[in-house]
Amino acid sequence: MSGRELIQQLVNALSLGSIYALLALGLSVVYGVMGLLNFAFGELVTITGYTMYFVSGGNESFLLMALVGIAASTVSSMGMELVAFRPLRNASFLTLLFTSFALAQIIQNLFRQLVSPRP
């Protein structure tokens, strides 16, 4: 392996590890604040990514794409709270866990239907 390939692989590993660390940090913050393991957290990240991708079609600035992506994720998160989690506020931990898992599955299937079933 040449020096360039080694540097590229180190950059790849650092960027992928940083993404995993951000996801883990987000999950731990949500658990710390709400006391809920939200399995739909990854889908919120996906919503942000796809929103930024669709906004980028007009060659918009990254700042605008990031703001629109964050807004879409915030609206989606508030919708999840109002529709799925607030009615079950005093339910058991297991009920909330199953609700978050079901919500993740619903959003994943919506992406499969609306965007593409291909990875």
PDB file of N, CA and C in Angstrom:
ATOM      1  N   MET A   1       0.855  -1.165   0.000  1.00  0.00           N
ATOM      2  CA  MET A   1       0.000   0.000   0.000  1.00  0.00           C
ATOM      3  C   MET A   1       0.907   1.236   0.000  1.00  0.00           C
ATOM      4  N   SER A   2       0.620   2.126  -0.919  1.00  0.00           N
ATOM      5  CA  SER A   2       1.434   3.335  -1.022  1.00  0.00           C
ATOM      6  C   SER A   2       1.066   4.326   0.077  1.00  0.00           C
ATOM      7  N   GLY A   3       1.870   5.377   0.189  1.00  0.00           N
ATOM      8  CA  GLY A   3       1.633   6.390   1.205  1.00  0.00           C
ATOM      9  C   GLY A   3       0.320   7.121   0.997  1.00  0.00           C
ATOM     10  N   ARG A   4      -0.019   7.376  -0.276  1.00  0.00           N
ATOM     11  CA  ARG A   4      -1.281   8.057  -0.576  1.00  0.00           C
ATOM     12  C   ARG A   4      -2.485   7.211  -0.184  1.00  0.00           C
ATOM     13  N   GLU A   5      -2.425   5.920  -0.483  1.00  0.00           N
ATOM     14  CA  GLU A   5      -3.528   5.033  -0.129  1.00  0.00           C
ATOM     15  C   GLU A   5      -3.685   4.942   1.382  1.00  0.00           C
ATOM     16  N   LEU A   6      -2.564   4.904   2.084  1.00  0.00           N
ATOM     17  CA  LEU A   6      -2.617   4.840   3.540  1.00  0.00           C
ATOM     18  C   LEU A   6      -3.265   6.100   4.111  1.00  0.00           C
ATOM     19  N   ILE A   7      -2.860   7.253   3.608  1.00  0.00           N
ATOM     20  CA  ILE A   7      -3.456   8.506   4.080  1.00  0.00           C
ATOM     21  C   ILE A   7      -4.946   8.545   3.757  1.00  0.00           C
ATOM     22  N   GLN A   8      -5.325   8.101   2.549  1.00  0.00           N
ATOM     23  CA  GLN A   8      -6.730   8.098   2.174  1.00  0.00           C
ATOM     24  C   GLN A   8      -7.543   7.165   3.065  1.00  0.00           C
ATOM     25  N   GLN A   9      -6.990   6.004   3.390  1.00  0.00           N
ATOM     26  CA  GLN A   9      -7.697   5.068   4.256  1.00  0.00           C
ATOM     27  C   GLN A   9      -7.817   5.618   5.680  1.00  0.00           C
ATOM     28  N   LEU A  10      -6.802   6.343   6.141  1.00  0.00           N
ATOM     29  CA  LEU A  10      -6.887   6.969   7.463  1.00  0.00           C
ATOM     30  C   LEU A  10      -7.958   8.056   7.486  1.00  0.00           C
ATOM     31  N   VAL A  11      -8.040   8.849   6.419  1.00  0.00           N
ATOM     32  CA  VAL A  11      -9.082   9.874   6.331  1.00  0.00           C
ATOM     33  C   VAL A  11     -10.459   9.225   6.265  1.00  0.00           C
ATOM     34  N   ASN A  12     -10.593   8.151   5.485  1.00  0.00           N
ATOM     35  CA  ASN A  12     -11.870   7.427   5.403  1.00  0.00           C
ATOM     36  C   ASN A  12     -12.278   6.882   6.768  1.00  0.00           C
ATOM     37  N   ALA A  13     -11.339   6.275   7.481  1.00  0.00           N
ATOM     38  CA  ALA A  13     -11.648   5.707   8.793  1.00  0.00           C
ATOM     39  C   ALA A  13     -12.016   6.798   9.784  1.00  0.00           C
ATOM     40  N   LEU A  14     -11.318   7.915   9.738  1.00  0.00           N
ATOM     41  CA  LEU A  14     -11.617   9.011  10.652  1.00  0.00           C
ATOM     42  C   LEU A  14     -12.992   9.611  10.365  1.00  0.00           C
ATOM     43  N   SER A  15     -13.330   9.778   9.104  1.00  0.00           N
ATOM     44  CA  SER A  15     -14.642  10.360   8.779  1.00  0.00           C
ATOM     45  C   SER A  15     -15.772   9.403   9.135  1.00  0.00           C
ATOM     46  N   LEU A  16     -15.626   8.118   8.857  1.00  0.00           N
ATOM     47  CA  LEU A  16     -16.664   7.154   9.210  1.00  0.00           C
ATOM     48  C   LEU A  16     -16.793   7.019  10.724  1.00  0.00           C
ATOM     49  N   GLY A  17     -15.666   6.991  11.425  1.00  0.00           N
ATOM     50  CA  GLY A  17     -15.703   6.936  12.879  1.00  0.00           C
ATOM     51  C   GLY A  17     -16.349   8.174  13.480  1.00  0.00           C
ATOM     52  N   SER A  18     -16.127   9.333  12.858  1.00  0.00           N
ATOM     53  CA  SER A  18     -16.750  10.564  13.341  1.00  0.00           C
ATOM     54  C   SER A  18     -18.261  10.512  13.173  1.00  0.00           C
ATOM     55  N   ILE A  19     -18.731   9.956  12.067  1.00  0.00           N
ATOM     56  CA  ILE A  19     -20.176   9.818  11.856  1.00  0.00           C
ATOM     57  C   ILE A  19     -20.774   8.889  12.900  1.00  0.00           C
ATOM     58  N   TYR A  20     -20.115   7.766  13.162  1.00  0.00           N
ATOM     59  CA  TYR A  20     -20.600   6.844  14.192  1.00  0.00           C
ATOM     60  C   TYR A  20     -20.614   7.512  15.565  1.00  0.00           C
ATOM     61  N   ALA A  21     -19.582   8.298  15.867  1.00  0.00           N
ATOM     62  CA  ALA A  21     -19.513   8.975  17.156  1.00  0.00           C
ATOM     63  C   ALA A  21     -20.635  10.005  17.284  1.00  0.00           C
ATOM     64  N   LEU A  22     -20.935  10.740  16.218  1.00  0.00           N
ATOM     65  CA  LEU A  22     -22.026  11.712  16.267  1.00  0.00           C
ATOM     66  C   LEU A  22     -23.373  11.028  16.467  1.00  0.00           C
ATOM     67  N   LEU A  23     -23.582   9.900  15.798  1.00  0.00           N
ATOM     68  CA  LEU A  23     -24.829   9.154  15.991  1.00  0.00           C
ATOM     69  C   LEU A  23     -24.945   8.654  17.431  1.00  0.00           C
ATOM     70  N   ALA A  24     -23.853   8.118  17.968  1.00  0.00           N
ATOM     71  CA  ALA A  24     -23.877   7.623  19.347  1.00  0.00           C
ATOM     72  C   ALA A  24     -24.102   8.763  20.337  1.00  0.00           C
ATOM     73  N   LEU A  25     -23.494   9.906  20.066  1.00  0.00           N
ATOM     74  CA  LEU A  25     -23.686  11.062  20.943  1.00  0.00           C
ATOM     75  C   LEU A  25     -25.137  11.535  20.900  1.00  0.00           C
ATOM     76  N   GLY A  26     -25.725  11.567  19.702  1.00  0.00           N
ATOM     77  CA  GLY A  26     -27.127  11.959  19.580  1.00  0.00           C
ATOM     78  C   GLY A  26     -28.050  11.005  20.313  1.00  0.00           C
ATOM     79  N   LEU A  27     -27.807   9.706  20.175  1.00  0.00           N
ATOM     80  CA  LEU A  27     -28.634   8.723  20.879  1.00  0.00           C
ATOM     81  C   LEU A  27     -28.509   8.877  22.391  1.00  0.00           C
ATOM     82  N   SER A  28     -27.296   9.114  22.876  1.00  0.00           N
ATOM     83  CA  SER A  28     -27.127   9.243  24.323  1.00  0.00           C
ATOM     84  C   SER A  28     -27.757  10.524  24.848  1.00  0.00           C
ATOM     85  N   VAL A  29     -27.728  11.608  24.069  1.00  0.00           N
ATOM     86  CA  VAL A  29     -28.372  12.846  24.502  1.00  0.00           C
ATOM     87  C   VAL A  29     -29.887  12.650  24.558  1.00  0.00           C
ATOM     88  N   VAL A  30     -30.461  12.013  23.536  1.00  0.00           N
ATOM     89  CA  VAL A  30     -31.902  11.763  23.530  1.00  0.00           C
ATOM     90  C   VAL A  30     -32.287  10.867  24.708  1.00  0.00           C
ATOM     91  N   TYR A  31     -31.491   9.845  24.974  1.00  0.00           N
ATOM     92  CA  TYR A  31     -31.799   8.966  26.104  1.00  0.00           C
ATOM     93  C   TYR A  31     -31.675   9.722  27.426  1.00  0.00           C
ATOM     94  N   GLY A  32     -30.659  10.565  27.542  1.00  0.00           N
ATOM     95  CA  GLY A  32     -30.468  11.314  28.769  1.00  0.00           C
ATOM     96  C   GLY A  32     -31.592  12.307  29.029  1.00  0.00           C
ATOM     97  N   VAL A  33     -32.109  12.942  27.986  1.00  0.00           N
ATOM     98  CA  VAL A  33     -33.148  13.953  28.157  1.00  0.00           C
ATOM     99  C   VAL A  33     -34.523  13.311  28.294  1.00  0.00           C
ATOM    100  N   MET A  34     -34.842  12.377  27.400  1.00  0.00           N
ATOM    101  CA  MET A  34     -36.193  11.808  27.366  1.00  0.00           C
ATOM    102  C   MET A  34     -36.322  10.480  28.096  1.00  0.00           C
ATOM    103  N   GLY A  35     -35.205   9.823  28.374  1.00  0.00           N
ATOM    104  CA  GLY A  35     -35.276   8.500  28.976  1.00  0.00           C
ATOM    105  C   GLY A  35     -35.807   7.463  27.997  1.00  0.00           C
ATOM    106  N   LEU A  36     -35.542   7.667  26.712  1.00  0.00           N
ATOM    107  CA  LEU A  36     -36.101   6.826  25.662  1.00  0.00           C
ATOM    108  C   LEU A  36     -35.007   6.452  24.675  1.00  0.00           C
ATOM    109  N   LEU A  37     -34.883   5.176  24.369  1.00  0.00           N
ATOM    110  CA  LEU A  37     -34.000   4.754  23.292  1.00  0.00           C
ATOM    111  C   LEU A  37     -34.780   4.888  21.987  1.00  0.00           C
ATOM    112  N   ASN A  38     -34.475   5.909  21.230  1.00  0.00           N
ATOM    113  CA  ASN A  38     -35.213   6.192  20.004  1.00  0.00           C
ATOM    114  C   ASN A  38     -34.527   5.521  18.818  1.00  0.00           C
ATOM    115  N   PHE A  39     -35.088   4.395  18.371  1.00  0.00           N
ATOM    116  CA  PHE A  39     -34.522   3.702  17.226  1.00  0.00           C
ATOM    117  C   PHE A  39     -34.743   4.455  15.922  1.00  0.00           C
ATOM    118  N   ALA A  40     -35.594   5.450  15.927  1.00  0.00           N
ATOM    119  CA  ALA A  40     -35.851   6.244  14.724  1.00  0.00           C
ATOM    120  C   ALA A  40     -34.858   7.395  14.583  1.00  0.00           C
ATOM    121  N   PHE A  41     -33.845   7.442  15.436  1.00  0.00           N
ATOM    122  CA  PHE A  41     -32.865   8.520  15.368  1.00  0.00           C
ATOM    123  C   PHE A  41     -32.080   8.489  14.058  1.00  0.00           C
ATOM    124  N   GLY A  42     -31.720   7.320  13.611  1.00  0.00           N
ATOM    125  CA  GLY A  42     -31.015   7.196  12.325  1.00  0.00           C
ATOM    126  C   GLY A  42     -31.860   7.660  11.154  1.00  0.00           C
ATOM    127  N   GLU A  43     -33.158   7.457  11.251  1.00  0.00           N
ATOM    128  CA  GLU A  43     -34.046   7.908  10.191  1.00  0.00           C
ATOM    129  C   GLU A  43     -34.128   9.432  10.157  1.00  0.00           C
ATOM    130  N   LEU A  44     -33.989  10.075  11.310  1.00  0.00           N
ATOM    131  CA  LEU A  44     -33.932  11.545  11.332  1.00  0.00           C
ATOM    132  C   LEU A  44     -32.684  12.042  10.609  1.00  0.00           C
ATOM    133  N   VAL A  45     -31.582  11.342  10.791  1.00  0.00           N
ATOM    134  CA  VAL A  45     -30.357  11.691  10.072  1.00  0.00           C
ATOM    135  C   VAL A  45     -30.561  11.479   8.570  1.00  0.00           C
ATOM    136  N   THR A  46     -31.264  10.413   8.202  1.00  0.00           N
ATOM    137  CA  THR A  46     -31.554  10.149   6.799  1.00  0.00           C
ATOM    138  C   THR A  46     -32.457  11.221   6.211  1.00  0.00           C
ATOM    139  N   ILE A  47     -33.444  11.664   6.964  1.00  0.00           N
ATOM    140  CA  ILE A  47     -34.321  12.740   6.506  1.00  0.00           C
ATOM    141  C   ILE A  47     -33.503  14.003   6.237  1.00  0.00           C
ATOM    142  N   THR A  48     -32.580  14.302   7.135  1.00  0.00           N
ATOM    143  CA  THR A  48     -31.721  15.469   6.948  1.00  0.00           C
ATOM    144  C   THR A  48     -30.873  15.321   5.695  1.00  0.00           C
ATOM    145  N   GLY A  49     -30.289  14.152   5.501  1.00  0.00           N
ATOM    146  CA  GLY A  49     -29.445  13.925   4.333  1.00  0.00           C
ATOM    147  C   GLY A  49     -30.198  14.024   3.025  1.00  0.00           C
ATOM    148  N   TYR A  50     -31.360  13.379   2.948  1.00  0.00           N
ATOM    149  CA  TYR A  50     -32.139  13.448   1.710  1.00  0.00           C
ATOM    150  C   TYR A  50     -32.663  14.856   1.450  1.00  0.00           C
ATOM    151  N   THR A  51     -33.030  15.563   2.499  1.00  0.00           N
ATOM    152  CA  THR A  51     -33.482  16.943   2.315  1.00  0.00           C
ATOM    153  C   THR A  51     -32.353  17.793   1.755  1.00  0.00           C
ATOM    154  N   MET A  52     -31.163  17.634   2.302  1.00  0.00           N
ATOM    155  CA  MET A  52     -30.023  18.389   1.790  1.00  0.00           C
ATOM    156  C   MET A  52     -29.721  17.999   0.341  1.00  0.00           C
ATOM    157  N   TYR A  53     -29.855  16.720   0.024  1.00  0.00           N
ATOM    158  CA  TYR A  53     -29.606  16.262  -1.344  1.00  0.00           C
ATOM    159  C   TYR A  53     -30.598  16.875  -2.323  1.00  0.00           C
ATOM    160  N   PHE A  54     -31.877  16.883  -1.960  1.00  0.00           N
ATOM    161  CA  PHE A  54     -32.881  17.425  -2.869  1.00  0.00           C
ATOM    162  C   PHE A  54     -32.776  18.948  -2.993  1.00  0.00           C
ATOM    163  N   VAL A  55     -32.363  19.624  -1.941  1.00  0.00           N
ATOM    164  CA  VAL A  55     -32.174  21.071  -2.013  1.00  0.00           C
ATOM    165  C   VAL A  55     -30.947  21.405  -2.865  1.00  0.00           C
ATOM    166  N   SER A  56     -29.960  20.520  -2.874  1.00  0.00           N
ATOM    167  CA  SER A  56     -28.727  20.790  -3.622  1.00  0.00           C
ATOM    168  C   SER A  56     -28.914  20.737  -5.127  1.00  0.00           C
ATOM    169  N   GLY A  57     -30.073  20.311  -5.598  1.00  0.00           N
ATOM    170  CA  GLY A  57     -30.316  20.243  -7.038  1.00  0.00           C
ATOM    171  C   GLY A  57     -30.221  21.593  -7.725  1.00  0.00           C
ATOM    172  N   GLY A  58     -30.467  22.669  -6.998  1.00  0.00           N
ATOM    173  CA  GLY A  58     -30.400  24.007  -7.569  1.00  0.00           C
ATOM    174  C   GLY A  58     -29.064  24.676  -7.315  1.00  0.00           C
ATOM    175  N   ASN A  59     -28.025  23.917  -6.948  1.00  0.00           N
ATOM    176  CA  ASN A  59     -26.690  24.440  -6.648  1.00  0.00           C
ATOM    177  C   ASN A  59     -26.725  25.509  -5.560  1.00  0.00           C
ATOM    178  N   GLU A  60     -27.454  25.212  -4.497  1.00  0.00           N
ATOM    179  CA  GLU A  60     -27.563  26.135  -3.374  1.00  0.00           C
ATOM    180  C   GLU A  60     -26.298  26.046  -2.513  1.00  0.00           C
ATOM    181  N   SER A  61     -26.110  27.024  -1.658  1.00  0.00           N
ATOM    182  CA  SER A  61     -24.947  27.018  -0.771  1.00  0.00           C
ATOM    183  C   SER A  61     -25.124  25.937   0.298  1.00  0.00           C
ATOM    184  N   PHE A  62     -23.995  25.503   0.844  1.00  0.00           N
ATOM    185  CA  PHE A  62     -24.046  24.460   1.861  1.00  0.00           C
ATOM    186  C   PHE A  62     -24.776  24.947   3.103  1.00  0.00           C
ATOM    187  N   LEU A  63     -24.597  26.202   3.447  1.00  0.00           N
ATOM    188  CA  LEU A  63     -25.265  26.746   4.629  1.00  0.00           C
ATOM    189  C   LEU A  63     -26.778  26.667   4.487  1.00  0.00           C
ATOM    190  N   LEU A  64     -27.300  27.024   3.317  1.00  0.00           N
ATOM    191  CA  LEU A  64     -28.741  26.933   3.088  1.00  0.00           C
ATOM    192  C   LEU A  64     -29.208  25.481   3.144  1.00  0.00           C
ATOM    193  N   MET A  65     -28.444  24.573   2.514  1.00  0.00           N
ATOM    194  CA  MET A  65     -28.816  23.158   2.544  1.00  0.00           C
ATOM    195  C   MET A  65     -28.836  22.632   3.977  1.00  0.00           C
ATOM    196  N   ALA A  66     -27.829  23.015   4.771  1.00  0.00           N
ATOM    197  CA  ALA A  66     -27.765  22.551   6.156  1.00  0.00           C
ATOM    198  C   ALA A  66     -28.939  23.093   6.966  1.00  0.00           C
ATOM    199  N   LEU A  67     -29.271  24.356   6.781  1.00  0.00           N
ATOM    200  CA  LEU A  67     -30.391  24.945   7.519  1.00  0.00           C
ATOM    201  C   LEU A  67     -31.716  24.293   7.146  1.00  0.00           C
ATOM    202  N   VAL A  68     -31.924  24.043   5.864  1.00  0.00           N
ATOM    203  CA  VAL A  68     -33.164  23.393   5.431  1.00  0.00           C
ATOM    204  C   VAL A  68     -33.202  21.945   5.934  1.00  0.00           C
ATOM    205  N   GLY A  69     -32.063  21.252   5.904  1.00  0.00           N
ATOM    206  CA  GLY A  69     -32.001  19.885   6.424  1.00  0.00           C
ATOM    207  C   GLY A  69     -32.291  19.815   7.907  1.00  0.00           C
ATOM    208  N   ILE A  70     -31.728  20.740   8.667  1.00  0.00           N
ATOM    209  CA  ILE A  70     -31.978  20.782  10.106  1.00  0.00           C
ATOM    210  C   ILE A  70     -33.438  21.112  10.380  1.00  0.00           C
ATOM    211  N   ALA A  71     -34.009  22.027   9.594  1.00  0.00           N
ATOM    212  CA  ALA A  71     -35.429  22.368   9.770  1.00  0.00           C
ATOM    213  C   ALA A  71     -36.314  21.155   9.485  1.00  0.00           C
ATOM    214  N   ALA A  72     -36.000  20.407   8.416  1.00  0.00           N
ATOM    215  CA  ALA A  72     -36.797  19.222   8.087  1.00  0.00           C
ATOM    216  C   ALA A  72     -36.687  18.172   9.184  1.00  0.00           C
ATOM    217  N   SER A  73     -35.500  17.987   9.716  1.00  0.00           N
ATOM    218  CA  SER A  73     -35.311  17.018  10.796  1.00  0.00           C
ATOM    219  C   SER A  73     -36.034  17.459  12.069  1.00  0.00           C
ATOM    220  N   THR A  74     -36.008  18.754  12.337  1.00  0.00           N
ATOM    221  CA  THR A  74     -36.697  19.272  13.525  1.00  0.00           C
ATOM    222  C   THR A  74     -38.204  19.085  13.412  1.00  0.00           C
ATOM    223  N   VAL A  75     -38.748  19.405  12.242  1.00  0.00           N
ATOM    224  CA  VAL A  75     -40.193  19.234  12.030  1.00  0.00           C
ATOM    225  C   VAL A  75     -40.566  17.756  12.126  1.00  0.00           C
ATOM    226  N   SER A  76     -39.746  16.884  11.544  1.00  0.00           N
ATOM    227  CA  SER A  76     -40.007  15.444  11.616  1.00  0.00           C
ATOM    228  C   SER A  76     -39.939  14.937  13.056  1.00  0.00           C
ATOM    229  N   SER A  77     -38.957  15.417  13.799  1.00  0.00           N
ATOM    230  CA  SER A  77     -38.815  15.006  15.189  1.00  0.00           C
ATOM    231  C   SER A  77     -39.997  15.465  16.035  1.00  0.00           C
ATOM    232  N   MET A  78     -40.440  16.689  15.799  1.00  0.00           N
ATOM    233  CA  MET A  78     -41.609  17.184  16.536  1.00  0.00           C
ATOM    234  C   MET A  78     -42.862  16.406  16.146  1.00  0.00           C
ATOM    235  N   GLY A  79     -42.971  16.038  14.886  1.00  0.00           N
ATOM    236  CA  GLY A  79     -44.101  15.221  14.448  1.00  0.00           C
ATOM    237  C   GLY A  79     -44.098  13.856  15.105  1.00  0.00           C
ATOM    238  N   MET A  80     -42.912  13.243  15.191  1.00  0.00           N
ATOM    239  CA  MET A  80     -42.810  11.949  15.878  1.00  0.00           C
ATOM    240  C   MET A  80     -43.222  12.072  17.334  1.00  0.00           C
ATOM    241  N   GLU A  81     -42.770  13.133  17.972  1.00  0.00           N
ATOM    242  CA  GLU A  81     -43.120  13.346  19.383  1.00  0.00           C
ATOM    243  C   GLU A  81     -44.620  13.493  19.556  1.00  0.00           C
ATOM    244  N   LEU A  82     -45.251  14.294  18.711  1.00  0.00           N
ATOM    245  CA  LEU A  82     -46.688  14.545  18.853  1.00  0.00           C
ATOM    246  C   LEU A  82     -47.538  13.323  18.521  1.00  0.00           C
ATOM    247  N   VAL A  83     -47.152  12.603  17.472  1.00  0.00           N
ATOM    248  CA  VAL A  83     -47.982  11.501  16.993  1.00  0.00           C
ATOM    249  C   VAL A  83     -47.708  10.196  17.750  1.00  0.00           C
ATOM    250  N   ALA A  84     -46.442   9.881  17.970  1.00  0.00           N
ATOM    251  CA  ALA A  84     -46.118   8.560  18.503  1.00  0.00           C
ATOM    252  C   ALA A  84     -45.782   8.544  19.989  1.00  0.00           C
ATOM    253  N   PHE A  85     -45.005   9.509  20.452  1.00  0.00           N
ATOM    254  CA  PHE A  85     -44.481   9.406  21.820  1.00  0.00           C
ATOM    255  C   PHE A  85     -45.328  10.126  22.865  1.00  0.00           C
ATOM    256  N   ARG A  86     -45.902  11.258  22.540  1.00  0.00           N
ATOM    257  CA  ARG A  86     -46.679  12.001  23.545  1.00  0.00           C
ATOM    258  C   ARG A  86     -47.896  11.217  24.035  1.00  0.00           C
ATOM    259  N   PRO A  87     -48.642  10.532  23.159  1.00  0.00           N
ATOM    260  CA  PRO A  87     -49.781   9.755  23.675  1.00  0.00           C
ATOM    261  C   PRO A  87     -49.361   8.624  24.626  1.00  0.00           C
ATOM    262  N   LEU A  88     -48.101   8.207  24.536  1.00  0.00           N
ATOM    263  CA  LEU A  88     -47.616   7.112  25.378  1.00  0.00           C
ATOM    264  C   LEU A  88     -46.670   7.604  26.467  1.00  0.00           C
ATOM    265  N   ARG A  89     -46.777   8.845  26.846  1.00  0.00           N
ATOM    266  CA  ARG A  89     -45.832   9.475  27.778  1.00  0.00           C
ATOM    267  C   ARG A  89     -45.670   8.691  29.079  1.00  0.00           C
ATOM    268  N   ASN A  90     -46.739   8.191  29.643  1.00  0.00           N
ATOM    269  CA  ASN A  90     -46.656   7.475  30.925  1.00  0.00           C
ATOM    270  C   ASN A  90     -46.645   5.959  30.758  1.00  0.00           C
ATOM    271  N   ALA A  91     -46.371   5.495  29.560  1.00  0.00           N
ATOM    272  CA  ALA A  91     -46.337   4.053  29.307  1.00  0.00           C
ATOM    273  C   ALA A  91     -45.011   3.469  29.803  1.00  0.00           C
ATOM    274  N   SER A  92     -44.946   2.155  29.786  1.00  0.00           N
ATOM    275  CA  SER A  92     -43.723   1.483  30.240  1.00  0.00           C
ATOM    276  C   SER A  92     -42.584   1.700  29.236  1.00  0.00           C
ATOM    277  N   PHE A  93     -41.372   1.448  29.723  1.00  0.00           N
ATOM    278  CA  PHE A  93     -40.184   1.596  28.884  1.00  0.00           C
ATOM    279  C   PHE A  93     -40.253   0.682  27.668  1.00  0.00           C
ATOM    280  N   LEU A  94     -40.758  -0.525  27.873  1.00  0.00           N
ATOM    281  CA  LEU A  94     -40.839  -1.483  26.769  1.00  0.00           C
ATOM    282  C   LEU A  94     -41.818  -1.021  25.699  1.00  0.00           C
ATOM    283  N   THR A  95     -42.916  -0.423  26.088  1.00  0.00           N
ATOM    284  CA  THR A  95     -43.889   0.100  25.121  1.00  0.00           C
ATOM    285  C   THR A  95     -43.265   1.210  24.290  1.00  0.00           C
ATOM    286  N   LEU A  96     -42.535   2.107  24.932  1.00  0.00           N
ATOM    287  CA  LEU A  96     -41.870   3.189  24.201  1.00  0.00           C
ATOM    288  C   LEU A  96     -40.772   2.648  23.286  1.00  0.00           C
ATOM    289  N   LEU A  97     -40.101   1.603  23.723  1.00  0.00           N
ATOM    290  CA  LEU A  97     -39.063   0.984  22.905  1.00  0.00           C
ATOM    291  C   LEU A  97     -39.667   0.376  21.642  1.00  0.00           C
ATOM    292  N   PHE A  98     -40.770  -0.352  21.793  1.00  0.00           N
ATOM    293  CA  PHE A  98     -41.439  -0.928  20.625  1.00  0.00           C
ATOM    294  C   PHE A  98     -42.007   0.153  19.713  1.00  0.00           C
ATOM    295  N   THR A  99     -42.492   1.243  20.301  1.00  0.00           N
ATOM    296  CA  THR A  99     -43.018   2.343  19.498  1.00  0.00           C
ATOM    297  C   THR A  99     -41.921   2.974  18.659  1.00  0.00           C
ATOM    298  N   SER A 100     -40.763   3.194  19.249  1.00  0.00           N
ATOM    299  CA  SER A 100     -39.673   3.795  18.476  1.00  0.00           C
ATOM    300  C   SER A 100     -39.185   2.849  17.385  1.00  0.00           C
ATOM    301  N   PHE A 101     -39.160   1.540  17.680  1.00  0.00           N
ATOM    302  CA  PHE A 101     -38.768   0.570  16.657  1.00  0.00           C
ATOM    303  C   PHE A 101     -39.785   0.543  15.514  1.00  0.00           C
ATOM    304  N   ALA A 102     -41.063   0.570  15.845  1.00  0.00           N
ATOM    305  CA  ALA A 102     -42.106   0.577  14.808  1.00  0.00           C
ATOM    306  C   ALA A 102     -42.044   1.854  13.981  1.00  0.00           C
ATOM    307  N   LEU A 103     -41.793   2.963  14.622  1.00  0.00           N
ATOM    308  CA  LEU A 103     -41.663   4.227  13.911  1.00  0.00           C
ATOM    309  C   LEU A 103     -40.476   4.193  12.952  1.00  0.00           C
ATOM    310  N   ALA A 104     -39.370   3.612  13.375  1.00  0.00           N
ATOM    311  CA  ALA A 104     -38.207   3.473  12.500  1.00  0.00           C
ATOM    312  C   ALA A 104     -38.549   2.620  11.282  1.00  0.00           C
ATOM    313  N   GLN A 105     -39.277   1.533  11.496  1.00  0.00           N
ATOM    314  CA  GLN A 105     -39.648   0.670  10.384  1.00  0.00           C
ATOM    315  C   GLN A 105     -40.584   1.376   9.407  1.00  0.00           C
ATOM    316  N   ILE A 106     -41.512   2.148   9.930  1.00  0.00           N
ATOM    317  CA  ILE A 106     -42.442   2.888   9.073  1.00  0.00           C
ATOM    318  C   ILE A 106     -41.685   3.895   8.214  1.00  0.00           C
ATOM    319  N   ILE A 107     -40.766   4.632   8.828  1.00  0.00           N
ATOM    320  CA  ILE A 107     -40.010   5.633   8.064  1.00  0.00           C
ATOM    321  C   ILE A 107     -39.106   4.959   7.037  1.00  0.00           C
ATOM    322  N   GLN A 108     -38.471   3.841   7.397  1.00  0.00           N
ATOM    323  CA  GLN A 108     -37.638   3.121   6.441  1.00  0.00           C
ATOM    324  C   GLN A 108     -38.452   2.661   5.245  1.00  0.00           C
ATOM    325  N   ASN A 109     -39.650   2.141   5.495  1.00  0.00           N
ATOM    326  CA  ASN A 109     -40.492   1.689   4.395  1.00  0.00           C
ATOM    327  C   ASN A 109     -41.001   2.853   3.558  1.00  0.00           C
ATOM    328  N   LEU A 110     -41.248   3.992   4.175  1.00  0.00           N
ATOM    329  CA  LEU A 110     -41.601   5.180   3.396  1.00  0.00           C
ATOM    330  C   LEU A 110     -40.464   5.588   2.471  1.00  0.00           C
ATOM    331  N   PHE A 111     -39.236   5.538   2.964  1.00  0.00           N
ATOM    332  CA  PHE A 111     -38.094   5.838   2.097  1.00  0.00           C
ATOM    333  C   PHE A 111     -37.977   4.827   0.965  1.00  0.00           C
ATOM    334  N   ARG A 112     -38.226   3.567   1.261  1.00  0.00           N
ATOM    335  CA  ARG A 112     -38.177   2.557   0.199  1.00  0.00           C
ATOM    336  C   ARG A 112     -39.213   2.818  -0.874  1.00  0.00           C
ATOM    337  N   GLN A 113     -40.396   3.258  -0.485  1.00  0.00           N
ATOM    338  CA  GLN A 113     -41.465   3.511  -1.448  1.00  0.00           C
ATOM    339  C   GLN A 113     -41.273   4.830  -2.175  1.00  0.00           C
ATOM    340  N   LEU A 114     -40.852   5.861  -1.475  1.00  0.00           N
ATOM    341  CA  LEU A 114     -40.789   7.199  -2.060  1.00  0.00           C
ATOM    342  C   LEU A 114     -39.452   7.507  -2.742  1.00  0.00           C
ATOM    343  N   VAL A 115     -38.360   6.931  -2.264  1.00  0.00           N
ATOM    344  CA  VAL A 115     -37.056   7.256  -2.841  1.00  0.00           C
ATOM    345  C   VAL A 115     -36.584   6.102  -3.722  1.00  0.00           C
ATOM    346  N   SER A 116     -36.203   4.991  -3.112  1.00  0.00           N
ATOM    347  CA  SER A 116     -35.741   3.844  -3.889  1.00  0.00           C
ATOM    348  C   SER A 116     -35.510   2.671  -2.938  1.00  0.00           C
ATOM    349  N   PRO A 117     -35.809   1.448  -3.369  1.00  0.00           N
ATOM    350  CA  PRO A 117     -35.522   0.295  -2.520  1.00  0.00           C
ATOM    351  C   PRO A 117     -34.056  -0.137  -2.599  1.00  0.00           C
ATOM    352  N   ARG A 118     -33.295   0.465  -3.504  1.00  0.00           N
ATOM    353  CA  ARG A 118     -31.880   0.077  -3.658  1.00  0.00           C
ATOM    354  C   ARG A 118     -31.048   0.724  -2.568  1.00  0.00           C
ATOM    355  N   PRO A 119     -30.022  -0.005  -2.099  1.00  0.00           N
ATOM    356  CA  PRO A 119     -29.131   0.602  -1.086  1.00  0.00           C
ATOM    357  C   PRO A 119     -28.313   1.731  -1.688  1.00  0.00           C
TER     358      PRO A 119
END
